[in-house]
Amino acid sequence: MEYGTHLDHARLHEQCHEHLVLIDLLAKGQRMEAAQCLREHLSTALARKVGPGRTTDTQNESG
């Protein structure tokens, strides 16, 4: 969570729900489904942080 920012309670509720879905999938042993769910979750979180279609500096580094 970021300090000093406006809290979007709907977004927090959605993210908590996604976390619970991930935990449930893992508890059921559905690792492939959990992996896909996590990829989508992280992709959405990244887009919120840096903007849709953009990447972080570490993703652009080669070497």
PDB file of N, CA and C in Angstrom:
ATOM      1  N   MET A   1       0.846  -1.163   0.000  1.00  0.00           N
ATOM      2  CA  MET A   1       0.000   0.000   0.000  1.00  0.00           C
ATOM      3  C   MET A   1       0.896   1.232   0.000  1.00  0.00           C
ATOM      4  N   GLU A   2       0.483   2.242  -0.728  1.00  0.00           N
ATOM      5  CA  GLU A   2       1.250   3.472  -0.800  1.00  0.00           C
ATOM      6  C   GLU A   2       0.748   4.455   0.240  1.00  0.00           C
ATOM      7  N   TYR A   3       1.656   5.142   0.871  1.00  0.00           N
ATOM      8  CA  TYR A   3       1.295   6.107   1.889  1.00  0.00           C
ATOM      9  C   TYR A   3       1.072   7.466   1.253  1.00  0.00           C
ATOM     10  N   GLY A   4       0.152   8.216   1.804  1.00  0.00           N
ATOM     11  CA  GLY A   4      -0.087   9.571   1.326  1.00  0.00           C
ATOM     12  C   GLY A   4      -0.896   9.626   0.041  1.00  0.00           C
ATOM     13  N   THR A   5      -1.575   8.564  -0.311  1.00  0.00           N
ATOM     14  CA  THR A   5      -2.396   8.565  -1.510  1.00  0.00           C
ATOM     15  C   THR A   5      -3.838   8.293  -1.131  1.00  0.00           C
ATOM     16  N   HIS A   6      -4.726   8.640  -2.030  1.00  0.00           N
ATOM     17  CA  HIS A   6      -6.147   8.368  -1.825  1.00  0.00           C
ATOM     18  C   HIS A   6      -6.381   6.866  -1.945  1.00  0.00           C
ATOM     19  N   LEU A   7      -7.104   6.293  -1.007  1.00  0.00           N
ATOM     20  CA  LEU A   7      -7.392   4.866  -1.042  1.00  0.00           C
ATOM     21  C   LEU A   7      -8.621   4.603  -1.903  1.00  0.00           C
ATOM     22  N   ASP A   8      -8.464   3.751  -2.879  1.00  0.00           N
ATOM     23  CA  ASP A   8      -9.579   3.329  -3.729  1.00  0.00           C
ATOM     24  C   ASP A   8     -10.102   2.028  -3.122  1.00  0.00           C
ATOM     25  N   HIS A   9     -11.139   2.135  -2.322  1.00  0.00           N
ATOM     26  CA  HIS A   9     -11.646   0.977  -1.588  1.00  0.00           C
ATOM     27  C   HIS A   9     -12.164  -0.112  -2.527  1.00  0.00           C
ATOM     28  N   ALA A  10     -12.742   0.259  -3.649  1.00  0.00           N
ATOM     29  CA  ALA A  10     -13.229  -0.741  -4.615  1.00  0.00           C
ATOM     30  C   ALA A  10     -12.054  -1.534  -5.175  1.00  0.00           C
ATOM     31  N   ARG A  11     -10.945  -0.840  -5.486  1.00  0.00           N
ATOM     32  CA  ARG A  11      -9.757  -1.523  -6.009  1.00  0.00           C
ATOM     33  C   ARG A  11      -9.165  -2.449  -4.951  1.00  0.00           C
ATOM     34  N   LEU A  12      -9.102  -1.975  -3.707  1.00  0.00           N
ATOM     35  CA  LEU A  12      -8.565  -2.813  -2.634  1.00  0.00           C
ATOM     36  C   LEU A  12      -9.422  -4.054  -2.424  1.00  0.00           C
ATOM     37  N   HIS A  13     -10.728  -3.890  -2.492  1.00  0.00           N
ATOM     38  CA  HIS A  13     -11.636  -5.023  -2.352  1.00  0.00           C
ATOM     39  C   HIS A  13     -11.395  -6.031  -3.479  1.00  0.00           C
ATOM     40  N   GLU A  14     -11.252  -5.533  -4.703  1.00  0.00           N
ATOM     41  CA  GLU A  14     -10.993  -6.406  -5.854  1.00  0.00           C
ATOM     42  C   GLU A  14      -9.666  -7.149  -5.705  1.00  0.00           C
ATOM     43  N   GLN A  15      -8.629  -6.438  -5.284  1.00  0.00           N
ATOM     44  CA  GLN A  15      -7.321  -7.074  -5.126  1.00  0.00           C
ATOM     45  C   GLN A  15      -7.338  -8.117  -4.011  1.00  0.00           C
ATOM     46  N   CYS A  16      -8.019  -7.836  -2.922  1.00  0.00           N
ATOM     47  CA  CYS A  16      -8.129  -8.830  -1.848  1.00  0.00           C
ATOM     48  C   CYS A  16      -8.867 -10.067  -2.337  1.00  0.00           C
ATOM     49  N   HIS A  17      -9.912  -9.853  -3.123  1.00  0.00           N
ATOM     50  CA  HIS A  17     -10.643 -10.983  -3.702  1.00  0.00           C
ATOM     51  C   HIS A  17      -9.718 -11.814  -4.588  1.00  0.00           C
ATOM     52  N   GLU A  18      -8.912 -11.154  -5.417  1.00  0.00           N
ATOM     53  CA  GLU A  18      -7.965 -11.873  -6.273  1.00  0.00           C
ATOM     54  C   GLU A  18      -6.980 -12.680  -5.431  1.00  0.00           C
ATOM     55  N   HIS A  19      -6.519 -12.118  -4.331  1.00  0.00           N
ATOM     56  CA  HIS A  19      -5.599 -12.837  -3.442  1.00  0.00           C
ATOM     57  C   HIS A  19      -6.265 -14.082  -2.873  1.00  0.00           C
ATOM     58  N   LEU A  20      -7.520 -13.945  -2.455  1.00  0.00           N
ATOM     59  CA  LEU A  20      -8.243 -15.098  -1.913  1.00  0.00           C
ATOM     60  C   LEU A  20      -8.469 -16.172  -2.973  1.00  0.00           C
ATOM     61  N   VAL A  21      -8.736 -15.770  -4.199  1.00  0.00           N
ATOM     62  CA  VAL A  21      -8.892 -16.732  -5.302  1.00  0.00           C
ATOM     63  C   VAL A  21      -7.579 -17.484  -5.502  1.00  0.00           C
ATOM     64  N   LEU A  22      -6.460 -16.771  -5.483  1.00  0.00           N
ATOM     65  CA  LEU A  22      -5.146 -17.417  -5.634  1.00  0.00           C
ATOM     66  C   LEU A  22      -4.896 -18.434  -4.519  1.00  0.00           C
ATOM     67  N   ILE A  23      -5.175 -18.039  -3.302  1.00  0.00           N
ATOM     68  CA  ILE A  23      -4.983 -18.945  -2.162  1.00  0.00           C
ATOM     69  C   ILE A  23      -5.853 -20.185  -2.315  1.00  0.00           C
ATOM     70  N   ASP A  24      -7.097 -19.986  -2.725  1.00  0.00           N
ATOM     71  CA  ASP A  24      -8.020 -21.104  -2.907  1.00  0.00           C
ATOM     72  C   ASP A  24      -7.519 -22.059  -3.990  1.00  0.00           C
ATOM     73  N   LEU A  25      -7.062 -21.511  -5.107  1.00  0.00           N
ATOM     74  CA  LEU A  25      -6.547 -22.358  -6.189  1.00  0.00           C
ATOM     75  C   LEU A  25      -5.336 -23.170  -5.713  1.00  0.00           C
ATOM     76  N   LEU A  26      -4.449 -22.523  -4.984  1.00  0.00           N
ATOM     77  CA  LEU A  26      -3.271 -23.233  -4.484  1.00  0.00           C
ATOM     78  C   LEU A  26      -3.655 -24.303  -3.472  1.00  0.00           C
ATOM     79  N   ALA A  27      -4.619 -23.990  -2.616  1.00  0.00           N
ATOM     80  CA  ALA A  27      -5.071 -24.965  -1.622  1.00  0.00           C
ATOM     81  C   ALA A  27      -5.688 -26.197  -2.290  1.00  0.00           C
ATOM     82  N   LYS A  28      -6.290 -25.995  -3.448  1.00  0.00           N
ATOM     83  CA  LYS A  28      -6.889 -27.101  -4.196  1.00  0.00           C
ATOM     84  C   LYS A  28      -5.880 -27.821  -5.082  1.00  0.00           C
ATOM     85  N   GLY A  29      -4.639 -27.330  -5.092  1.00  0.00           N
ATOM     86  CA  GLY A  29      -3.608 -27.956  -5.912  1.00  0.00           C
ATOM     87  C   GLY A  29      -3.672 -27.580  -7.378  1.00  0.00           C
ATOM     88  N   GLN A  30      -4.402 -26.548  -7.697  1.00  0.00           N
ATOM     89  CA  GLN A  30      -4.555 -26.112  -9.087  1.00  0.00           C
ATOM     90  C   GLN A  30      -3.479 -25.077  -9.415  1.00  0.00           C
ATOM     91  N   ARG A  31      -2.256 -25.559  -9.522  1.00  0.00           N
ATOM     92  CA  ARG A  31      -1.108 -24.666  -9.696  1.00  0.00           C
ATOM     93  C   ARG A  31      -1.093 -23.943 -11.021  1.00  0.00           C
ATOM     94  N   MET A  32      -1.466 -24.599 -12.103  1.00  0.00           N
ATOM     95  CA  MET A  32      -1.462 -23.944 -13.411  1.00  0.00           C
ATOM     96  C   MET A  32      -2.488 -22.797 -13.451  1.00  0.00           C
ATOM     97  N   GLU A  33      -3.668 -23.048 -12.905  1.00  0.00           N
ATOM     98  CA  GLU A  33      -4.698 -22.011 -12.847  1.00  0.00           C
ATOM     99  C   GLU A  33      -4.255 -20.862 -11.954  1.00  0.00           C
ATOM    100  N   ALA A  34      -3.625 -21.199 -10.837  1.00  0.00           N
ATOM    101  CA  ALA A  34      -3.119 -20.175  -9.928  1.00  0.00           C
ATOM    102  C   ALA A  34      -2.036 -19.339 -10.600  1.00  0.00           C
ATOM    103  N   ALA A  35      -1.177 -19.984 -11.362  1.00  0.00           N
ATOM    104  CA  ALA A  35      -0.109 -19.268 -12.060  1.00  0.00           C
ATOM    105  C   ALA A  35      -0.692 -18.279 -13.061  1.00  0.00           C
ATOM    106  N   GLN A  36      -1.697 -18.706 -13.804  1.00  0.00           N
ATOM    107  CA  GLN A  36      -2.330 -17.818 -14.775  1.00  0.00           C
ATOM    108  C   GLN A  36      -3.028 -16.665 -14.062  1.00  0.00           C
ATOM    109  N   CYS A  37      -3.705 -16.949 -12.989  1.00  0.00           N
ATOM    110  CA  CYS A  37      -4.390 -15.932 -12.202  1.00  0.00           C
ATOM    111  C   CYS A  37      -3.382 -14.914 -11.651  1.00  0.00           C
ATOM    112  N   LEU A  38      -2.251 -15.404 -11.183  1.00  0.00           N
ATOM    113  CA  LEU A  38      -1.221 -14.521 -10.645  1.00  0.00           C
ATOM    114  C   LEU A  38      -0.625 -13.643 -11.743  1.00  0.00           C
ATOM    115  N   ARG A  39      -0.388 -14.225 -12.930  1.00  0.00           N
ATOM    116  CA  ARG A  39       0.116 -13.422 -14.051  1.00  0.00           C
ATOM    117  C   ARG A  39      -0.832 -12.271 -14.364  1.00  0.00           C
ATOM    118  N   GLU A  40      -2.122 -12.574 -14.419  1.00  0.00           N
ATOM    119  CA  GLU A  40      -3.116 -11.541 -14.708  1.00  0.00           C
ATOM    120  C   GLU A  40      -3.151 -10.489 -13.601  1.00  0.00           C
ATOM    121  N   HIS A  41      -3.084 -10.940 -12.361  1.00  0.00           N
ATOM    122  CA  HIS A  41      -3.093 -10.031 -11.213  1.00  0.00           C
ATOM    123  C   HIS A  41      -1.898  -9.082 -11.257  1.00  0.00           C
ATOM    124  N   LEU A  42      -0.718  -9.625 -11.501  1.00  0.00           N
ATOM    125  CA  LEU A  42       0.489  -8.800 -11.541  1.00  0.00           C
ATOM    126  C   LEU A  42       0.500  -7.870 -12.744  1.00  0.00           C
ATOM    127  N   SER A  43      -0.010  -8.339 -13.865  1.00  0.00           N
ATOM    128  CA  SER A  43      -0.086  -7.510 -15.063  1.00  0.00           C
ATOM    129  C   SER A  43      -0.988  -6.301 -14.824  1.00  0.00           C
ATOM    130  N   THR A  44      -2.110  -6.541 -14.180  1.00  0.00           N
ATOM    131  CA  THR A  44      -3.037  -5.450 -13.860  1.00  0.00           C
ATOM    132  C   THR A  44      -2.403  -4.475 -12.875  1.00  0.00           C
ATOM    133  N   ALA A  45      -1.728  -5.001 -11.870  1.00  0.00           N
ATOM    134  CA  ALA A  45      -1.068  -4.146 -10.876  1.00  0.00           C
ATOM    135  C   ALA A  45       0.022  -3.304 -11.535  1.00  0.00           C
ATOM    136  N   LEU A  46       0.784  -3.890 -12.433  1.00  0.00           N
ATOM    137  CA  LEU A  46       1.836  -3.159 -13.145  1.00  0.00           C
ATOM    138  C   LEU A  46       1.233  -2.051 -14.000  1.00  0.00           C
ATOM    139  N   ALA A  47       0.165  -2.366 -14.712  1.00  0.00           N
ATOM    140  CA  ALA A  47      -0.485  -1.357 -15.559  1.00  0.00           C
ATOM    141  C   ALA A  47      -0.986  -0.184 -14.719  1.00  0.00           C
ATOM    142  N   ARG A  48      -1.471  -0.458 -13.521  1.00  0.00           N
ATOM    143  CA  ARG A  48      -1.934   0.624 -12.643  1.00  0.00           C
ATOM    144  C   ARG A  48      -0.770   1.498 -12.187  1.00  0.00           C
ATOM    145  N   LYS A  49       0.378   0.882 -11.978  1.00  0.00           N
ATOM    146  CA  LYS A  49       1.533   1.620 -11.466  1.00  0.00           C
ATOM    147  C   LYS A  49       2.229   2.445 -12.542  1.00  0.00           C
ATOM    148  N   VAL A  50       2.444   1.852 -13.727  1.00  0.00           N
ATOM    149  CA  VAL A  50       3.251   2.524 -14.753  1.00  0.00           C
ATOM    150  C   VAL A  50       2.449   2.916 -15.983  1.00  0.00           C
ATOM    151  N   GLY A  51       1.197   2.521 -16.040  1.00  0.00           N
ATOM    152  CA  GLY A  51       0.356   2.852 -17.183  1.00  0.00           C
ATOM    153  C   GLY A  51       0.244   1.682 -18.131  1.00  0.00           C
ATOM    154  N   PRO A  52      -0.900   1.546 -18.799  1.00  0.00           N
ATOM    155  CA  PRO A  52      -1.119   0.428 -19.720  1.00  0.00           C
ATOM    156  C   PRO A  52      -0.114   0.447 -20.869  1.00  0.00           C
ATOM    157  N   GLY A  53       0.403  -0.720 -21.199  1.00  0.00           N
ATOM    158  CA  GLY A  53       1.319  -0.847 -22.328  1.00  0.00           C
ATOM    159  C   GLY A  53       2.737  -0.410 -22.053  1.00  0.00           C
ATOM    160  N   ARG A  54       3.006   0.107 -20.872  1.00  0.00           N
ATOM    161  CA  ARG A  54       4.360   0.535 -20.521  1.00  0.00           C
ATOM    162  C   ARG A  54       5.022  -0.541 -19.679  1.00  0.00           C
ATOM    163  N   THR A  55       6.324  -0.508 -19.614  1.00  0.00           N
ATOM    164  CA  THR A  55       7.074  -1.455 -18.809  1.00  0.00           C
ATOM    165  C   THR A  55       7.945  -0.703 -17.832  1.00  0.00           C
ATOM    166  N   THR A  56       8.501  -1.435 -16.878  1.00  0.00           N
ATOM    167  CA  THR A  56       9.421  -0.840 -15.921  1.00  0.00           C
ATOM    168  C   THR A  56      10.813  -0.823 -16.525  1.00  0.00           C
ATOM    169  N   ASP A  57      11.705  -0.030 -15.955  1.00  0.00           N
ATOM    170  CA  ASP A  57      13.085   0.062 -16.454  1.00  0.00           C
ATOM    171  C   ASP A  57      13.781  -1.275 -16.425  1.00  0.00           C
ATOM    172  N   THR A  58      13.523  -2.110 -15.408  1.00  0.00           N
ATOM    173  CA  THR A  58      14.221  -3.377 -15.296  1.00  0.00           C
ATOM    174  C   THR A  58      13.809  -4.329 -16.413  1.00  0.00           C
ATOM    175  N   GLN A  59      12.608  -4.157 -16.962  1.00  0.00           N
ATOM    176  CA  GLN A  59      12.185  -5.014 -18.058  1.00  0.00           C
ATOM    177  C   GLN A  59      12.826  -4.604 -19.370  1.00  0.00           C
ATOM    178  N   ASN A  60      13.295  -3.373 -19.467  1.00  0.00           N
ATOM    179  CA  ASN A  60      13.888  -2.867 -20.688  1.00  0.00           C
ATOM    180  C   ASN A  60      15.391  -3.070 -20.748  1.00  0.00           C
ATOM    181  N   GLU A  61      15.993  -3.464 -19.645  1.00  0.00           N
ATOM    182  CA  GLU A  61      17.441  -3.644 -19.603  1.00  0.00           C
ATOM    183  C   GLU A  61      17.833  -4.950 -20.281  1.00  0.00           C
ATOM    184  N   SER A  62      18.898  -4.894 -21.042  1.00  0.00           N
ATOM    185  CA  SER A  62      19.424  -6.111 -21.642  1.00  0.00           C
ATOM    186  C   SER A  62      20.807  -6.356 -21.075  1.00  0.00           C
ATOM    187  N   GLY A  63      21.127  -7.605 -20.936  1.00  0.00           N
ATOM    188  CA  GLY A  63      22.467  -7.810 -20.471  1.00  0.00           C
ATOM    189  C   GLY A  63      22.550  -8.826 -19.474  1.00  0.00           C
TER     190      GLY A  63
END
